[in-house]
N, C-alpha and C. Protein backbone atom coordinates (compact mmCIF):
# COMPACT_ATOMS: atom_id res chain seq x y z
N MET A 1 0.87 -1.13 -0.04
CA MET A 1 -0.02 0.03 0.01
C MET A 1 0.80 1.33 0.03
N ARG A 2 0.36 2.15 -0.71
CA ARG A 2 1.17 3.46 -0.80
C ARG A 2 1.04 4.21 0.55
N ALA A 3 1.98 5.20 0.63
CA ALA A 3 2.02 6.09 1.89
C ALA A 3 0.69 6.78 1.97
N ASP A 4 0.06 7.11 0.97
CA ASP A 4 -1.29 7.93 1.10
C ASP A 4 -2.38 6.96 1.47
N GLY A 5 -2.20 5.67 1.54
CA GLY A 5 -3.23 4.75 2.02
C GLY A 5 -4.25 4.37 0.87
N SER A 6 -3.96 4.68 -0.29
CA SER A 6 -4.89 4.43 -1.36
C SER A 6 -4.83 2.98 -1.79
N GLY A 7 -3.78 2.31 -1.57
CA GLY A 7 -3.60 0.90 -2.03
C GLY A 7 -3.28 0.95 -3.44
N LEU A 8 -3.16 2.06 -4.25
CA LEU A 8 -2.72 2.18 -5.61
C LEU A 8 -1.29 2.26 -5.73
N PRO A 9 -0.76 1.79 -6.84
CA PRO A 9 0.68 2.01 -7.07
C PRO A 9 0.96 3.39 -7.50
N SER A 10 2.09 3.73 -7.57
CA SER A 10 2.56 5.18 -8.03
C SER A 10 2.08 5.23 -9.46
N ARG A 11 2.07 6.65 -10.00
CA ARG A 11 1.65 6.80 -11.33
C ARG A 11 2.52 6.20 -12.33
N LYS A 12 3.85 5.94 -11.87
CA LYS A 12 4.74 5.37 -12.80
C LYS A 12 4.53 3.85 -13.15
N SER A 13 3.85 3.22 -12.23
CA SER A 13 3.68 1.76 -12.39
C SER A 13 2.25 1.67 -12.89
N ALA A 14 2.00 0.65 -13.56
CA ALA A 14 0.60 0.44 -14.13
C ALA A 14 0.16 -0.99 -13.91
N TYR A 15 -1.12 -1.16 -13.88
CA TYR A 15 -1.65 -2.53 -13.67
C TYR A 15 -1.77 -3.23 -15.01
N ALA A 16 -1.83 -2.55 -16.15
CA ALA A 16 -1.90 -3.24 -17.43
C ALA A 16 -1.51 -2.29 -18.50
N LEU A 17 -0.91 -2.85 -19.50
CA LEU A 17 -0.42 -2.12 -20.69
C LEU A 17 -1.33 -2.73 -21.92
N VAL A 18 -1.96 -1.91 -22.64
CA VAL A 18 -2.72 -2.42 -23.76
C VAL A 18 -2.07 -2.06 -25.09
N TYR A 19 -1.71 -3.05 -25.81
CA TYR A 19 -1.12 -2.88 -27.12
C TYR A 19 -1.94 -3.70 -28.28
N ALA A 20 -2.38 -2.89 -29.19
CA ALA A 20 -3.14 -3.56 -30.29
C ALA A 20 -4.16 -4.52 -29.78
N GLY A 21 -4.95 -4.20 -28.79
CA GLY A 21 -6.10 -5.08 -28.24
C GLY A 21 -5.56 -6.08 -27.32
N GLN A 22 -4.37 -6.29 -27.06
CA GLN A 22 -3.93 -7.29 -26.16
C GLN A 22 -3.53 -6.69 -24.86
N VAL A 23 -3.89 -7.39 -23.79
CA VAL A 23 -3.52 -6.89 -22.43
C VAL A 23 -2.39 -7.63 -21.83
N SER A 24 -1.40 -6.88 -21.44
CA SER A 24 -0.33 -7.55 -20.75
C SER A 24 -0.42 -7.03 -19.22
N VAL A 25 -0.57 -8.01 -18.33
CA VAL A 25 -0.73 -7.62 -16.91
C VAL A 25 0.74 -7.40 -16.39
N SER A 26 0.90 -6.30 -15.89
CA SER A 26 2.20 -5.92 -15.31
C SER A 26 2.27 -6.00 -13.80
N ALA A 27 1.02 -5.95 -13.14
CA ALA A 27 1.01 -5.99 -11.72
C ALA A 27 -0.47 -6.27 -11.32
N VAL A 28 -0.59 -6.99 -10.34
CA VAL A 28 -1.89 -7.47 -9.89
C VAL A 28 -2.11 -6.94 -8.39
N MET A 29 -3.26 -6.25 -8.21
CA MET A 29 -3.54 -5.87 -6.83
C MET A 29 -4.15 -7.04 -6.00
N SER A 30 -3.82 -7.22 -4.79
CA SER A 30 -4.30 -8.41 -4.03
C SER A 30 -5.76 -7.90 -3.67
N PHE A 31 -6.51 -8.96 -3.22
CA PHE A 31 -7.89 -8.57 -2.86
C PHE A 31 -7.91 -7.66 -1.61
N ARG A 32 -6.88 -7.93 -0.74
CA ARG A 32 -6.85 -7.01 0.50
C ARG A 32 -6.54 -5.71 0.23
N GLU A 33 -5.51 -5.37 -0.74
CA GLU A 33 -5.21 -4.11 -1.13
C GLU A 33 -6.40 -3.47 -1.96
N PHE A 34 -7.25 -4.31 -2.67
CA PHE A 34 -8.29 -3.78 -3.54
C PHE A 34 -9.41 -3.42 -2.53
N ARG A 35 -9.69 -4.20 -1.52
CA ARG A 35 -10.69 -3.65 -0.48
C ARG A 35 -10.35 -2.50 0.29
N ALA A 36 -8.96 -2.30 0.69
CA ALA A 36 -8.55 -1.26 1.46
C ALA A 36 -8.51 0.01 0.56
N GLY A 37 -8.16 0.01 -0.66
CA GLY A 37 -8.24 1.11 -1.48
C GLY A 37 -9.36 1.27 -2.58
N LEU A 38 -10.46 0.59 -2.16
CA LEU A 38 -11.61 0.58 -3.16
C LEU A 38 -12.03 2.03 -3.66
N ALA A 39 -12.06 2.95 -2.71
CA ALA A 39 -12.62 4.27 -3.22
C ALA A 39 -11.45 4.88 -4.22
N GLY A 40 -10.21 4.66 -4.00
CA GLY A 40 -9.14 5.16 -4.94
C GLY A 40 -9.17 4.38 -6.21
N VAL A 41 -9.60 3.07 -6.18
CA VAL A 41 -9.48 2.26 -7.40
C VAL A 41 -10.72 2.78 -8.20
N LEU A 42 -11.84 2.94 -7.68
CA LEU A 42 -12.99 3.34 -8.49
C LEU A 42 -12.73 4.75 -8.93
N ASP A 43 -12.10 5.73 -8.16
CA ASP A 43 -11.96 7.01 -8.75
C ASP A 43 -10.92 6.89 -9.95
N ARG A 44 -9.99 6.04 -9.90
CA ARG A 44 -9.00 5.86 -11.00
C ARG A 44 -9.64 5.47 -12.23
N VAL A 45 -10.65 4.41 -12.05
CA VAL A 45 -11.36 3.88 -13.21
C VAL A 45 -12.27 4.94 -13.82
N ARG A 46 -13.01 5.76 -12.90
CA ARG A 46 -13.81 6.95 -13.44
C ARG A 46 -13.03 7.93 -14.13
N ARG A 47 -11.78 8.29 -13.65
CA ARG A 47 -10.94 9.28 -14.35
C ARG A 47 -10.38 8.85 -15.53
N SER A 48 -9.98 7.56 -15.65
CA SER A 48 -9.37 7.02 -16.82
C SER A 48 -10.17 5.88 -17.34
N PRO A 49 -11.01 6.21 -18.31
CA PRO A 49 -11.95 5.07 -18.80
C PRO A 49 -11.15 3.94 -19.47
N GLY A 50 -9.99 4.24 -19.84
CA GLY A 50 -9.11 3.06 -20.40
C GLY A 50 -8.40 2.19 -19.46
N ALA A 51 -8.46 2.64 -18.13
CA ALA A 51 -7.68 1.84 -17.19
C ALA A 51 -8.28 0.54 -16.91
N ALA A 52 -7.56 -0.39 -16.60
CA ALA A 52 -7.99 -1.73 -16.16
C ALA A 52 -7.22 -2.17 -14.92
N ILE A 53 -8.00 -2.39 -13.91
CA ILE A 53 -7.28 -2.81 -12.62
C ILE A 53 -7.51 -4.36 -12.42
N PHE A 54 -6.34 -5.06 -12.36
CA PHE A 54 -6.32 -6.41 -12.17
C PHE A 54 -6.29 -6.77 -10.64
N VAL A 55 -7.09 -7.70 -10.32
CA VAL A 55 -7.08 -8.12 -8.90
C VAL A 55 -7.02 -9.64 -8.79
N GLY A 56 -6.35 -10.07 -7.86
CA GLY A 56 -6.20 -11.60 -7.63
C GLY A 56 -5.58 -11.98 -6.38
N ALA A 57 -5.38 -13.35 -6.27
CA ALA A 57 -4.81 -13.86 -5.06
C ALA A 57 -3.33 -14.31 -5.61
N HIS A 58 -2.38 -14.10 -4.65
CA HIS A 58 -1.08 -14.63 -4.87
C HIS A 58 -0.50 -13.84 -6.14
N ARG A 59 -0.90 -12.60 -6.37
CA ARG A 59 -0.44 -11.87 -7.52
C ARG A 59 -0.81 -12.58 -8.92
N LYS A 60 -1.78 -13.46 -8.94
CA LYS A 60 -2.27 -14.06 -10.14
C LYS A 60 -3.63 -13.37 -10.45
N ALA A 61 -3.80 -12.68 -11.63
CA ALA A 61 -4.97 -12.05 -11.95
C ALA A 61 -6.20 -13.04 -12.00
N GLU A 62 -7.26 -12.78 -11.28
CA GLU A 62 -8.49 -13.49 -11.26
C GLU A 62 -9.67 -12.62 -11.76
N ALA A 63 -9.61 -11.30 -11.62
CA ALA A 63 -10.63 -10.39 -11.99
C ALA A 63 -10.13 -9.04 -12.64
N VAL A 64 -10.84 -8.42 -13.30
CA VAL A 64 -10.44 -7.11 -13.75
C VAL A 64 -11.62 -6.13 -13.69
N LEU A 65 -11.20 -4.90 -13.30
CA LEU A 65 -12.29 -3.88 -13.03
C LEU A 65 -12.01 -2.81 -14.13
N VAL A 66 -13.00 -2.64 -14.97
CA VAL A 66 -12.95 -1.58 -16.08
C VAL A 66 -14.14 -0.62 -15.96
N SER A 67 -14.08 0.46 -16.60
CA SER A 67 -15.21 1.31 -16.71
C SER A 67 -16.43 0.70 -17.41
N VAL A 68 -17.68 1.15 -17.20
CA VAL A 68 -18.82 0.70 -17.97
C VAL A 68 -18.68 0.96 -19.46
N GLU A 69 -18.06 2.07 -19.78
CA GLU A 69 -17.69 2.50 -21.25
C GLU A 69 -16.85 1.47 -21.86
N GLN A 70 -15.72 1.15 -21.10
CA GLN A 70 -14.77 0.18 -21.66
C GLN A 70 -15.38 -1.14 -21.87
N TYR A 71 -16.21 -1.55 -20.84
CA TYR A 71 -16.90 -2.88 -20.88
C TYR A 71 -17.76 -3.06 -22.01
N GLU A 72 -18.63 -1.93 -22.32
CA GLU A 72 -19.44 -1.93 -23.44
C GLU A 72 -18.85 -1.97 -24.84
N ALA A 73 -17.68 -1.22 -24.84
CA ALA A 73 -16.94 -1.30 -26.04
C ALA A 73 -16.37 -2.69 -26.38
N LEU A 74 -15.94 -3.34 -25.28
CA LEU A 74 -15.45 -4.79 -25.39
C LEU A 74 -16.55 -5.68 -25.95
N LEU A 75 -17.69 -5.53 -25.40
CA LEU A 75 -18.96 -6.32 -25.89
C LEU A 75 -19.18 -6.04 -27.36
N GLU A 76 -19.23 -4.86 -27.67
CA GLU A 76 -19.45 -4.44 -29.09
C GLU A 76 -18.33 -5.06 -30.00
N SER A 77 -17.06 -5.03 -29.66
CA SER A 77 -15.97 -5.50 -30.37
C SER A 77 -16.28 -7.02 -30.58
N ALA A 78 -16.52 -7.80 -29.51
CA ALA A 78 -16.72 -9.18 -29.67
C ALA A 78 -17.96 -9.49 -30.47
N GLU A 79 -18.97 -8.72 -30.46
CA GLU A 79 -20.12 -8.89 -31.35
C GLU A 79 -19.74 -8.76 -32.82
N ARG A 80 -18.99 -7.63 -33.06
CA ARG A 80 -18.61 -7.44 -34.46
C ARG A 80 -17.78 -8.61 -34.94
N GLN A 81 -16.80 -9.00 -34.07
CA GLN A 81 -15.92 -10.19 -34.51
C GLN A 81 -16.75 -11.46 -34.75
N ARG A 82 -17.74 -11.72 -33.84
CA ARG A 82 -18.66 -12.88 -34.16
C ARG A 82 -19.33 -12.70 -35.42
N ALA A 83 -19.90 -11.48 -35.79
CA ALA A 83 -20.64 -11.25 -36.89
C ALA A 83 -19.86 -11.52 -38.23
N VAL A 84 -18.52 -11.07 -38.09
CA VAL A 84 -17.63 -11.22 -39.27
C VAL A 84 -17.27 -12.69 -39.36
N ALA A 85 -17.10 -13.35 -38.40
CA ALA A 85 -16.66 -14.78 -38.50
C ALA A 85 -17.88 -15.50 -39.12
N ALA A 86 -19.08 -15.21 -38.69
CA ALA A 86 -20.31 -15.79 -39.29
C ALA A 86 -20.42 -15.46 -40.79
N ALA A 87 -20.28 -14.23 -41.07
CA ALA A 87 -20.33 -13.86 -42.42
C ALA A 87 -19.38 -14.50 -43.32
N LEU A 88 -18.09 -14.69 -42.86
CA LEU A 88 -17.09 -15.42 -43.61
C LEU A 88 -17.50 -16.86 -43.75
N ALA A 89 -18.00 -17.42 -42.67
CA ALA A 89 -18.36 -18.91 -42.71
C ALA A 89 -19.47 -19.22 -43.77
N SER A 90 -20.47 -18.14 -43.73
CA SER A 90 -21.57 -18.33 -44.67
C SER A 90 -20.99 -18.27 -46.13
N VAL A 91 -20.12 -17.28 -46.41
CA VAL A 91 -19.55 -17.20 -47.82
C VAL A 91 -18.93 -18.50 -48.14
N ARG A 92 -18.13 -18.96 -47.19
CA ARG A 92 -17.17 -20.25 -47.49
C ARG A 92 -18.13 -21.27 -47.55
N ALA A 93 -19.30 -21.54 -46.88
CA ALA A 93 -20.19 -22.60 -47.03
C ALA A 93 -20.79 -22.60 -48.38
N GLU A 94 -20.83 -21.50 -49.05
CA GLU A 94 -21.27 -21.42 -50.49
C GLU A 94 -20.33 -21.96 -51.49
N GLY A 95 -19.10 -22.18 -50.93
CA GLY A 95 -17.94 -22.69 -51.80
C GLY A 95 -17.22 -21.52 -52.34
N LEU A 96 -17.37 -20.37 -51.77
CA LEU A 96 -16.55 -19.17 -52.21
C LEU A 96 -15.41 -18.79 -51.29
N GLU A 97 -14.45 -18.25 -51.83
CA GLU A 97 -13.23 -17.79 -50.97
C GLU A 97 -13.09 -16.25 -51.19
N PRO A 98 -13.24 -15.42 -50.22
CA PRO A 98 -13.10 -14.03 -50.40
C PRO A 98 -11.68 -13.71 -50.74
N SER A 99 -11.48 -12.75 -51.58
CA SER A 99 -10.25 -12.27 -52.03
C SER A 99 -9.51 -11.74 -50.85
N ALA A 100 -8.11 -11.39 -51.04
CA ALA A 100 -7.30 -10.80 -49.98
C ALA A 100 -7.89 -9.44 -49.69
N GLU A 101 -8.15 -8.75 -50.73
CA GLU A 101 -8.82 -7.35 -50.54
C GLU A 101 -10.17 -7.40 -49.67
N ASP A 102 -10.94 -8.46 -49.95
CA ASP A 102 -12.24 -8.48 -49.25
C ASP A 102 -11.85 -8.94 -47.77
N LEU A 103 -10.96 -9.78 -47.56
CA LEU A 103 -10.71 -10.13 -46.19
C LEU A 103 -10.11 -9.03 -45.54
N ALA A 104 -9.44 -8.08 -46.08
CA ALA A 104 -8.90 -6.91 -45.33
C ALA A 104 -10.02 -6.06 -45.06
N LEU A 105 -11.10 -6.01 -45.86
CA LEU A 105 -12.32 -5.20 -45.46
C LEU A 105 -12.97 -5.79 -44.30
N PHE A 106 -13.16 -7.06 -44.27
CA PHE A 106 -13.68 -7.70 -43.24
C PHE A 106 -12.93 -7.49 -41.75
N VAL A 107 -11.59 -7.49 -41.91
CA VAL A 107 -10.75 -7.13 -40.75
C VAL A 107 -11.05 -5.71 -40.32
N GLU A 108 -11.32 -4.81 -41.23
CA GLU A 108 -11.67 -3.40 -40.79
C GLU A 108 -12.95 -3.44 -40.15
N VAL A 109 -14.00 -4.15 -40.55
CA VAL A 109 -15.36 -4.26 -39.88
C VAL A 109 -14.99 -4.85 -38.53
N ALA A 110 -14.34 -5.86 -38.43
CA ALA A 110 -14.18 -6.53 -37.05
C ALA A 110 -13.57 -5.53 -36.07
N ALA A 111 -12.69 -4.78 -36.51
CA ALA A 111 -11.88 -3.67 -35.84
C ALA A 111 -12.71 -2.54 -35.49
N GLY A 112 -14.02 -2.37 -36.11
CA GLY A 112 -14.77 -1.29 -35.92
C GLY A 112 -14.48 -0.04 -36.67
N HIS A 113 -13.53 -0.10 -37.70
CA HIS A 113 -13.18 1.09 -38.48
C HIS A 113 -14.01 1.20 -39.70
N LEU A 114 -14.99 0.26 -40.00
CA LEU A 114 -15.66 0.16 -41.23
C LEU A 114 -17.07 -0.39 -40.79
N SER A 115 -18.17 0.25 -41.21
CA SER A 115 -19.43 -0.31 -40.86
C SER A 115 -19.80 -1.38 -41.96
N THR A 116 -20.91 -2.24 -41.62
CA THR A 116 -21.09 -3.31 -42.59
C THR A 116 -21.70 -2.64 -43.79
N ASP A 117 -22.45 -1.40 -43.67
CA ASP A 117 -22.93 -0.82 -44.95
C ASP A 117 -21.78 -0.41 -45.79
N GLU A 118 -20.74 0.24 -45.23
CA GLU A 118 -19.54 0.66 -45.94
C GLU A 118 -18.92 -0.61 -46.61
N LEU A 119 -18.87 -1.65 -45.99
CA LEU A 119 -18.38 -2.86 -46.54
C LEU A 119 -19.02 -3.32 -47.78
N ARG A 120 -20.39 -3.36 -47.56
CA ARG A 120 -21.20 -3.81 -48.74
C ARG A 120 -21.06 -2.91 -49.89
N ASP A 121 -21.05 -1.61 -49.59
CA ASP A 121 -20.97 -0.60 -50.59
C ASP A 121 -19.57 -0.65 -51.49
N ARG A 122 -18.47 -0.91 -50.72
CA ARG A 122 -17.19 -1.16 -51.33
C ARG A 122 -17.05 -2.33 -52.13
N ILE A 123 -17.62 -3.43 -51.73
CA ILE A 123 -17.60 -4.73 -52.44
C ILE A 123 -18.43 -4.56 -53.63
N LEU A 124 -19.63 -4.11 -53.59
CA LEU A 124 -20.63 -3.77 -54.78
C LEU A 124 -20.08 -2.92 -55.76
N SER A 125 -19.30 -1.85 -55.30
CA SER A 125 -18.80 -0.95 -56.27
C SER A 125 -17.89 -1.51 -57.19
N ARG A 126 -17.14 -2.56 -56.73
CA ARG A 126 -16.25 -3.25 -57.66
C ARG A 126 -16.95 -3.89 -58.86
N TYR A 127 -18.23 -4.39 -58.63
CA TYR A 127 -18.99 -5.05 -59.67
C TYR A 127 -19.88 -4.11 -60.53
N ARG A 128 -19.93 -2.79 -60.08
CA ARG A 128 -20.87 -1.95 -60.81
C ARG A 128 -20.09 -1.15 -61.78
N ARG A 129 -18.86 -1.36 -61.92
CA ARG A 129 -17.96 -0.60 -62.72
C ARG A 129 -18.23 -0.84 -64.17
């Protein structure tokens, strides 16, 4: 626990580093530290919507606390990825294989950079020429 009693690490240390959608756990708060510093942890999550607080026993992450905004974004991302996987499976079930260019567009949809309407328009525009 820090000298200020918050149970949080200094600003220089972080609980998680996020790179390209992957989480690397750099430190895990014990359940005891979490309980003792709950107000500070919740304040940190409120102030930094991208923050992820890992909690566990024996410094092994068992749970993660994120903002509602971040949680909803994760759910939306998972749904987009499931929809893209289902669409690709459907295309392949018809005996077709998307081109590399089409697959790149599907990746953009899964990442949330392109809507399904934009995907459809881009693919159809190739055939309307």
